C-alpha atoms as a PDB file:
ATOM      1  CA  MET A   1       0.830 -40.246  -6.010  1.00  0.00           C
ATOM      2  CA  PRO A   2      -0.422 -42.086  -8.741  1.00  0.00           C
ATOM      3  CA  ALA A   3      -2.170 -45.706  -8.131  1.00  0.00           C
ATOM      4  CA  GLU A   4       0.571 -47.515 -10.423  1.00  0.00           C
ATOM      5  CA  PHE A   5       3.009 -46.678  -7.953  1.00  0.00           C
ATOM      6  CA  ASP A   6       1.048 -48.051  -4.899  1.00  0.00           C
ATOM      7  CA  ASP A   7       0.194 -51.222  -7.049  1.00  0.00           C
ATOM      8  CA  TYR A   8       4.319 -51.503  -7.988  1.00  0.00           C
ATOM      9  CA  PHE A   9       5.407 -50.954  -4.391  1.00  0.00           C
ATOM     10  CA  ALA A  10       3.033 -53.258  -2.651  1.00  0.00           C
ATOM     11  CA  VAL A  11       4.035 -56.121  -5.191  1.00  0.00           C
ATOM     12  CA  ARG A  12       7.811 -55.115  -5.354  1.00  0.00           C
ATOM     13  CA  ARG A  13       8.710 -54.112  -1.829  1.00  0.00           C
ATOM     14  CA  ASP A  14       9.138 -57.660  -0.114  1.00  0.00           C
ATOM     15  CA  ALA A  15      11.717 -58.258  -2.691  1.00  0.00           C
ATOM     16  CA  VAL A  16      13.715 -55.322  -2.497  1.00  0.00           C
ATOM     17  CA  ARG A  17      13.898 -55.514   0.763  1.00  0.00           C
ATOM     18  CA  ARG A  18      15.237 -58.913   1.038  1.00  0.00           C
ATOM     19  CA  THR A  19      17.909 -57.865  -1.843  1.00  0.00           C
ATOM     20  CA  ALA A  20      18.914 -55.024   0.647  1.00  0.00           C
ATOM     21  CA  TYR A  21      19.218 -57.311   3.509  1.00  0.00           C
ATOM     22  CA  LEU A  22      21.314 -59.299   1.701  1.00  0.00           C
ATOM     23  CA  LEU A  23      23.418 -56.788   0.893  1.00  0.00           C
ATOM     24  CA  CYS A  24      23.371 -55.135   4.372  1.00  0.00           C
ATOM     25  CA  GLY A  25      22.630 -58.040   7.131  1.00  0.00           C
ATOM     26  CA  ASP A  26      20.740 -55.675   9.279  1.00  0.00           C
ATOM     27  CA  TRP A  27      16.678 -55.472   8.695  1.00  0.00           C
ATOM     28  CA  HIS A  28      16.583 -51.975  10.100  1.00  0.00           C
ATOM     29  CA  TRP A  29      19.303 -50.785   7.835  1.00  0.00           C
ATOM     30  CA  ALA A  30      17.461 -52.804   5.216  1.00  0.00           C
ATOM     31  CA  ASP A  31      14.260 -50.910   6.066  1.00  0.00           C
ATOM     32  CA  ASP A  32      16.229 -47.744   5.515  1.00  0.00           C
ATOM     33  CA  LEU A  33      17.603 -48.514   1.989  1.00  0.00           C
ATOM     34  CA  THR A  34      14.250 -49.816   0.716  1.00  0.00           C
ATOM     35  CA  GLN A  35      12.531 -46.781   1.784  1.00  0.00           C
ATOM     36  CA  ALA A  36      15.340 -44.769   0.101  1.00  0.00           C
ATOM     37  CA  ALA A  37      15.095 -46.730  -3.337  1.00  0.00           C
ATOM     38  CA  PHE A  38      11.386 -46.273  -3.423  1.00  0.00           C
ATOM     39  CA  MET A  39      11.471 -42.522  -2.367  1.00  0.00           C
ATOM     40  CA  ARG A  40      13.799 -41.972  -5.310  1.00  0.00           C
ATOM     41  CA  LEU A  41      11.281 -43.696  -7.372  1.00  0.00           C
ATOM     42  CA  ALA A  42       8.959 -41.795  -6.250  1.00  0.00           C
ATOM     43  CA  VAL A  43      10.267 -38.363  -7.052  1.00  0.00           C
ATOM     44  CA  SER A  44      10.804 -39.770 -10.433  1.00  0.00           C
ATOM     45  CA  TRP A  45       7.890 -41.869 -11.394  1.00  0.00           C
ATOM     46  CA  GLY A  46       6.548 -38.909 -13.607  1.00  0.00           C
ATOM     47  CA  ARG A  47       9.935 -39.051 -16.004  1.00  0.00           C
ATOM     48  CA  VAL A  48      10.008 -42.938 -15.574  1.00  0.00           C
ATOM     49  CA  ARG A  49       8.785 -44.006 -19.382  1.00  0.00           C
ATOM     50  CA  ASP A  50       9.426 -47.529 -19.538  1.00  0.00           C
ATOM     51  CA  ARG A  51       7.503 -49.099 -17.075  1.00  0.00           C
ATOM     52  CA  GLY A  52       8.979 -52.193 -17.350  1.00  0.00           C
ATOM     53  CA  ALA A  53      12.248 -50.937 -16.257  1.00  0.00           C
ATOM     54  CA  LEU A  54      10.828 -49.959 -12.842  1.00  0.00           C
ATOM     55  CA  ASP A  55      12.602 -53.135 -11.237  1.00  0.00           C
ATOM     56  CA  ALA A  56      16.106 -51.910 -12.837  1.00  0.00           C
ATOM     57  CA  PHE A  57      15.771 -48.364 -11.855  1.00  0.00           C
ATOM     58  CA  VAL A  58      15.075 -49.574  -8.307  1.00  0.00           C
ATOM     59  CA  ARG A  59      17.472 -52.087  -7.803  1.00  0.00           C
ATOM     60  CA  THR A  60      20.143 -49.358  -9.394  1.00  0.00           C
ATOM     61  CA  CYS A  61      18.744 -46.791  -6.470  1.00  0.00           C
ATOM     62  CA  LEU A  62      19.314 -49.538  -3.690  1.00  0.00           C
ATOM     63  CA  LEU A  63      22.877 -50.588  -4.688  1.00  0.00           C
ATOM     64  CA  ARG A  64      24.167 -47.215  -5.021  1.00  0.00           C
ATOM     65  CA  SER A  65      22.322 -46.226  -1.495  1.00  0.00           C
ATOM     66  CA  TYR A  66      23.961 -49.152   0.327  1.00  0.00           C
ATOM     67  CA  LEU A  67      27.355 -48.679  -1.456  1.00  0.00           C
ATOM     68  CA  SER A  68      27.050 -44.947  -0.404  1.00  0.00           C
ATOM     69  CA  GLU A  69      26.235 -46.231   2.747  1.00  0.00           C
ATOM     70  CA  THR A  70      29.325 -48.278   3.616  1.00  0.00           C
ATOM     71  CA  ARG A  71      31.548 -45.322   2.802  1.00  0.00           C
ATOM     72  CA  ARG A  72      29.963 -43.491   5.909  1.00  0.00           C
ATOM     73  CA  ALA A  73      32.549 -44.646   9.006  1.00  0.00           C
ATOM     74  CA  TRP A  74      29.403 -44.397  11.339  1.00  0.00           C
ATOM     75  CA  ARG A  75      27.611 -47.193   9.491  1.00  0.00           C
ATOM     76  CA  ARG A  76      29.969 -49.673   9.548  1.00  0.00           C
ATOM     77  CA  ARG A  77      30.286 -49.575  13.088  1.00  0.00           C
ATOM     78  CA  GLU A  78      26.796 -49.960  13.740  1.00  0.00           C
ATOM     79  CA  LEU A  79      26.264 -53.113  11.305  1.00  0.00           C
ATOM     80  CA  VAL A  80      24.447 -55.407  13.399  1.00  0.00           C
ATOM     81  CA  GLN A  81      24.527 -59.170  12.570  1.00  0.00           C
ATOM     82  CA  ALA A  82      21.223 -60.859  12.409  1.00  0.00           C
ATOM     83  CA  GLU A  83      19.526 -64.232  11.081  1.00  0.00           C
ATOM     84  CA  VAL A  84      18.399 -64.442   7.481  1.00  0.00           C
ATOM     85  CA  PRO A  85      14.591 -65.417   7.405  1.00  0.00           C
ATOM     86  CA  ASP A  86      13.318 -68.179   5.560  1.00  0.00           C
ATOM     87  CA  VAL A  87      11.647 -67.136   2.117  1.00  0.00           C
ATOM     88  CA  ARG A  88      10.828 -70.388   0.480  1.00  0.00           C
ATOM     89  CA  ALA A  89       8.049 -72.388   1.564  1.00  0.00           C
ATOM     90  CA  GLY A  90       8.196 -75.475   3.606  1.00  0.00           C
ATOM     91  CA  PRO A  91      10.277 -75.803   6.797  1.00  0.00           C
ATOM     92  CA  ASP A  92      13.883 -76.408   6.685  1.00  0.00           C
ATOM     93  CA  SER A  93      16.142 -79.022   7.866  1.00  0.00           C
ATOM     94  CA  ALA A  94      18.653 -78.084  10.780  1.00  0.00           C
ATOM     95  CA  HIS A  95      21.204 -78.944   8.031  1.00  0.00           C
ATOM     96  CA  GLU A  96      19.806 -76.326   5.582  1.00  0.00           C
ATOM     97  CA  ALA A  97      19.363 -74.113   8.177  1.00  0.00           C
ATOM     98  CA  ALA A  98      22.941 -74.258   8.838  1.00  0.00           C
ATOM     99  CA  GLN A  99      24.164 -73.700   5.653  1.00  0.00           C
ATOM    100  CA  ARG A 100      22.066 -70.481   5.046  1.00  0.00           C
ATOM    101  CA  ALA A 101      23.680 -69.343   7.829  1.00  0.00           C
ATOM    102  CA  ALA A 102      26.984 -70.195   7.230  1.00  0.00           C
ATOM    103  CA  PHE A 103      26.676 -68.973   4.009  1.00  0.00           C
ATOM    104  CA  THR A 104      25.348 -65.608   5.236  1.00  0.00           C
ATOM    105  CA  ALA A 105      27.834 -65.160   7.579  1.00  0.00           C
ATOM    106  CA  ALA A 106      30.206 -65.702   5.451  1.00  0.00           C
ATOM    107  CA  LEU A 107      28.607 -63.031   2.945  1.00  0.00           C
ATOM    108  CA  ARG A 108      28.634 -60.502   5.203  1.00  0.00           C
ATOM    109  CA  GLN A 109      32.583 -60.470   5.592  1.00  0.00           C
ATOM    110  CA  LEU A 110      33.105 -59.937   2.064  1.00  0.00           C
ATOM    111  CA  PRO A 111      33.791 -55.909   1.441  1.00  0.00           C
ATOM    112  CA  PRO A 112      30.512 -54.055   0.126  1.00  0.00           C
ATOM    113  CA  ARG A 113      31.365 -54.157  -3.660  1.00  0.00           C
ATOM    114  CA  GLN A 114      31.968 -57.968  -4.035  1.00  0.00           C
ATOM    115  CA  ARG A 115      28.683 -58.505  -2.029  1.00  0.00           C
ATOM    116  CA  ALA A 116      26.621 -56.547  -4.216  1.00  0.00           C
ATOM    117  CA  VAL A 117      28.163 -58.011  -7.363  1.00  0.00           C
ATOM    118  CA  LEU A 118      27.633 -61.166  -5.890  1.00  0.00           C
ATOM    119  CA  VAL A 119      23.665 -60.505  -4.875  1.00  0.00           C
ATOM    120  CA  CYS A 120      23.499 -59.034  -8.196  1.00  0.00           C
ATOM    121  CA  ARG A 121      24.694 -61.830 -10.161  1.00  0.00           C
ATOM    122  CA  TYR A 122      23.212 -64.734  -8.134  1.00  0.00           C
ATOM    123  CA  TYR A 123      20.304 -63.539  -6.398  1.00  0.00           C
ATOM    124  CA  GLN A 124      19.120 -61.040  -8.675  1.00  0.00           C
ATOM    125  CA  ASP A 125      20.047 -63.472 -11.278  1.00  0.00           C
ATOM    126  CA  LEU A 126      21.209 -60.732 -13.585  1.00  0.00           C
ATOM    127  CA  SER A 127      23.880 -60.904 -16.591  1.00  0.00           C
ATOM    128  CA  VAL A 128      27.764 -59.260 -16.229  1.00  0.00           C
ATOM    129  CA  ALA A 129      26.865 -56.309 -18.572  1.00  0.00           C
ATOM    130  CA  ALA A 130      23.451 -55.796 -16.583  1.00  0.00           C
ATOM    131  CA  THR A 131      25.476 -55.777 -13.177  1.00  0.00           C
ATOM    132  CA  ALA A 132      27.895 -53.156 -14.420  1.00  0.00           C
ATOM    133  CA  GLU A 133      25.230 -51.152 -15.576  1.00  0.00           C
ATOM    134  CA  ALA A 134      23.479 -51.111 -12.313  1.00  0.00           C
ATOM    135  CA  LEU A 135      26.514 -50.356 -10.544  1.00  0.00           C
ATOM    136  CA  ARG A 136      28.088 -48.080 -13.015  1.00  0.00           C
ATOM    137  CA  CYS A 137      31.276 -49.977 -13.448  1.00  0.00           C
ATOM    138  CA  SER A 138      33.474 -52.292 -16.139  1.00  0.00           C
ATOM    139  CA  GLU A 139      31.947 -55.337 -17.116  1.00  0.00           C
ATOM    140  CA  GLY A 140      35.667 -56.350 -16.151  1.00  0.00           C
ATOM    141  CA  ALA A 141      35.344 -54.990 -12.818  1.00  0.00           C
ATOM    142  CA  VAL A 142      32.172 -57.006 -11.980  1.00  0.00           C
ATOM    143  CA  LYS A 143      34.191 -60.227 -13.257  1.00  0.00           C
ATOM    144  CA  SER A 144      36.863 -59.630 -11.138  1.00  0.00           C
ATOM    145  CA  HIS A 145      34.619 -58.788  -8.267  1.00  0.00           C
ATOM    146  CA  THR A 146      32.990 -62.071  -8.816  1.00  0.00           C
ATOM    147  CA  ALA A 147      35.919 -63.894  -9.140  1.00  0.00           C
ATOM    148  CA  ARG A 148      37.286 -62.401  -5.874  1.00  0.00           C
ATOM    149  CA  GLY A 149      34.360 -62.668  -3.936  1.00  0.00           C
ATOM    150  CA  LEU A 150      33.582 -66.313  -4.894  1.00  0.00           C
ATOM    151  CA  ALA A 151      37.174 -67.189  -4.010  1.00  0.00           C
ATOM    152  CA  ARG A 152      36.683 -65.253  -0.559  1.00  0.00           C
ATOM    153  CA  LEU A 153      33.071 -67.413  -0.017  1.00  0.00           C
ATOM    154  CA  LYS A 154      34.891 -70.794  -0.449  1.00  0.00           C
ATOM    155  CA  GLU A 155      37.701 -69.679   1.588  1.00  0.00           C
ATOM    156  CA  LEU A 156      35.412 -68.549   4.633  1.00  0.00           C
ATOM    157  CA  LEU A 157      33.261 -71.820   3.996  1.00  0.00           C
ATOM    158  CA  GLY A 158      36.095 -74.607   3.718  1.00  0.00           C
ATOM    159  CA  ASP A 159      36.082 -77.207   1.103  1.00  0.00           C
ATOM    160  CA  ASP A 160      32.051 -77.646   1.743  1.00  0.00           C
ATOM    161  CA  GLU A 161      31.331 -77.110  -2.065  1.00  0.00           C
ATOM    162  CA  GLY A 162      27.515 -78.278  -1.181  1.00  0.00           C
ATOM    163  CA  VAL A 163      26.947 -74.969   0.865  1.00  0.00           C
ATOM    164  CA  LEU A 164      27.633 -72.887  -2.105  1.00  0.00           C
ATOM    165  CA  HIS A 165      25.520 -74.389  -4.684  1.00  0.00           C
ATOM    166  CA  ASP A 166      22.435 -75.352  -2.227  1.00  0.00           C
ATOM    167  CA  VAL A 167      21.911 -71.943  -0.441  1.00  0.00           C
ATOM    168  CA  SER A 168      21.819 -70.372  -4.171  1.00  0.00           C
ATOM    169  CA  ALA A 169      18.978 -72.875  -5.291  1.00  0.00           C
END
């Protein structure tokens, strides 16, 4: 394996793993998804011409692995609920920790496709077009899943608008 791959893996592994966790809500499953995405990249490394597109390639592999796994009945039964670690610097207040826990619990209640769209749009900060490309769906589908997902999150979180804004910051 080329040293370039090793360097890329070392730099991006934790970020890909956090994204995988937001998608699935389980650290063990997130590790599996991360491994699957990087294995796909390793197999395709020699064919990747645009090294600037590596993040998009890995993200697409991660999303496809996640959505594929959610279609398996045994995986849906196995899902373990866990806490999201604090990835920001500095200690959280009890209020911020409670907001984060409420947000991630609500996120886990969304259907897989809506969750994937919201993670792409608001955690990965992708455009509608980039999200559609990563998920291999239309831009209209991305907009629809975004609207439904946000509406469901607001419903699950109640009227506390601050939770949605504070957690995404």
